[in-house]
Amino acid sequence: EISNSFDTKSYKKLREIVTRIELSKLSEGEKEELYNTIAEGLRSTVWPILIKFMPKDELEDLAKNTSKVTVESYGKLIEDTIQDGKALAEIDVLMMQILDAVDNALTEEGMPVAPAE
């Protein structure tokens, strides 16, 4: 069963980072730029892992028959990819590495740590 819980370490770390940024003295534009950088880093981590774990036959079929690509077929491909949890586990590990790097960079820039919730 796929967990839809947001109780992962990476989700908690992301919330801490967002809180830290929101409480900072950065301008709205600087915050937006920082969020975009973080989002791009996370996206660049997730997609290669998803592709690595995608059922090759489904992926190849959709690539050869692009007329079959629908929201439903795309959703099924993603569901089939994450169903056994292996892709999600690997994504979570790499996301933590990225989020730890972001957290360290914020500290190096002198941004105060957000108070514990």
Protein backbone atom coordinates (compact mmCIF):
# COMPACT_ATOMS: atom_id res chain seq x y z
CA GLU A 1 0.00 0.00 0.00
CA ILE A 2 1.29 3.45 -0.90
CA SER A 3 1.42 5.84 1.98
CA ASN A 4 0.07 9.30 1.32
CA SER A 5 1.45 10.47 4.63
CA PHE A 6 3.51 13.62 4.84
CA ASP A 7 5.36 12.22 7.82
CA THR A 8 8.67 11.61 6.06
CA LYS A 9 11.92 13.14 7.26
CA SER A 10 12.29 15.02 3.98
CA TYR A 11 8.82 16.57 4.30
CA LYS A 12 9.57 17.71 7.85
CA LYS A 13 12.93 19.12 6.73
CA LEU A 14 11.26 20.96 3.85
CA ARG A 15 8.71 22.49 6.23
CA GLU A 16 11.55 23.65 8.52
CA ILE A 17 13.32 25.26 5.56
CA VAL A 18 10.16 26.99 4.32
CA THR A 19 9.45 28.31 7.82
CA ARG A 20 13.03 29.50 8.09
CA ILE A 21 12.81 31.32 4.76
CA GLU A 22 9.40 32.83 5.54
CA LEU A 23 10.69 34.20 8.87
CA SER A 24 13.81 35.61 7.22
CA LYS A 25 14.36 39.22 6.24
CA LEU A 26 14.64 38.31 2.56
CA SER A 27 12.47 40.27 0.15
CA GLU A 28 9.53 38.49 -1.45
CA GLY A 29 11.48 38.36 -4.71
CA GLU A 30 14.51 36.80 -3.02
CA LYS A 31 12.28 34.25 -1.30
CA GLU A 32 10.63 33.36 -4.61
CA GLU A 33 14.02 32.94 -6.27
CA LEU A 34 15.21 30.71 -3.43
CA TYR A 35 12.03 28.58 -3.61
CA ASN A 36 12.47 28.19 -7.38
CA THR A 37 16.06 27.04 -6.90
CA ILE A 38 15.02 24.51 -4.26
CA ALA A 39 12.12 23.26 -6.42
CA GLU A 40 14.40 22.78 -9.42
CA GLY A 41 16.89 20.85 -7.29
CA LEU A 42 14.15 18.56 -6.01
CA ARG A 43 12.66 18.05 -9.49
CA SER A 44 16.05 17.20 -10.91
CA THR A 45 16.35 14.53 -8.23
CA VAL A 46 12.90 12.99 -8.53
CA TRP A 47 12.56 12.49 -12.29
CA PRO A 48 15.72 10.44 -12.91
CA ILE A 49 14.74 8.12 -10.06
CA LEU A 50 11.18 7.75 -11.31
CA ILE A 51 12.45 6.93 -14.79
CA LYS A 52 14.91 4.41 -13.34
CA PHE A 53 12.07 2.52 -11.64
CA MET A 54 9.38 2.92 -14.32
CA PRO A 55 8.11 -0.31 -15.84
CA LYS A 56 10.13 -0.31 -19.06
CA ASP A 57 7.43 -1.97 -21.15
CA GLU A 58 4.84 0.68 -20.17
CA LEU A 59 7.31 3.52 -20.69
CA GLU A 60 8.38 2.22 -24.11
CA ASP A 61 4.76 1.66 -25.16
CA LEU A 62 3.80 5.23 -24.26
CA ALA A 63 6.92 6.61 -25.94
CA LYS A 64 6.14 4.71 -29.17
CA ASN A 65 2.42 5.45 -29.05
CA THR A 66 2.14 9.02 -27.86
CA SER A 67 -1.55 9.05 -28.75
CA LYS A 68 -2.02 6.71 -25.74
CA VAL A 69 -0.61 9.32 -23.36
CA THR A 70 -3.45 10.65 -21.25
CA VAL A 71 -3.68 11.96 -17.72
CA GLU A 72 -4.90 8.49 -16.73
CA SER A 73 -2.10 6.57 -18.49
CA TYR A 74 0.50 8.94 -17.09
CA GLY A 75 -0.97 8.58 -13.60
CA LYS A 76 -0.98 4.79 -13.91
CA LEU A 77 2.67 4.83 -14.99
CA ILE A 78 3.61 6.88 -11.92
CA GLU A 79 1.50 4.68 -9.63
CA ASP A 80 3.09 1.53 -11.04
CA THR A 81 6.50 3.10 -10.53
CA ILE A 82 6.07 3.92 -6.85
CA GLN A 83 3.83 1.00 -5.87
CA ASP A 84 6.53 -1.15 -4.24
CA GLY A 85 8.05 1.80 -2.38
CA LYS A 86 11.59 1.37 -3.75
CA ALA A 87 11.49 4.54 -5.85
CA LEU A 88 9.98 6.54 -3.00
CA ALA A 89 12.65 5.33 -0.58
CA GLU A 90 15.42 6.35 -2.96
CA ILE A 91 13.76 9.70 -3.65
CA ASP A 92 13.44 10.36 0.08
CA VAL A 93 17.16 9.69 0.65
CA LEU A 94 18.24 12.02 -2.17
CA MET A 95 15.73 14.70 -1.19
CA MET A 96 17.18 14.67 2.32
CA GLN A 97 20.66 15.19 0.87
CA ILE A 98 19.45 18.19 -1.13
CA LEU A 99 17.46 19.64 1.76
CA ASP A 100 20.41 19.19 4.14
CA ALA A 101 22.58 21.06 1.63
CA VAL A 102 19.98 23.86 1.43
CA ASP A 103 19.76 23.99 5.22
CA ASN A 104 23.55 24.20 5.52
CA ALA A 105 23.68 26.94 2.87
CA LEU A 106 21.06 28.96 4.77
CA THR A 107 23.14 28.60 7.94
CA GLU A 108 26.29 29.67 6.10
CA GLU A 109 24.41 32.75 4.86
CA GLY A 110 23.54 33.59 8.47
CA MET A 111 19.82 32.85 8.25
CA PRO A 112 18.53 32.01 11.73
CA VAL A 113 17.09 28.58 12.40
CA ALA A 114 13.29 28.59 12.66
CA PRO A 115 11.85 27.93 16.11
CA ALA A 116 10.66 24.37 16.71
CA GLU A 117 6.97 23.82 16.06
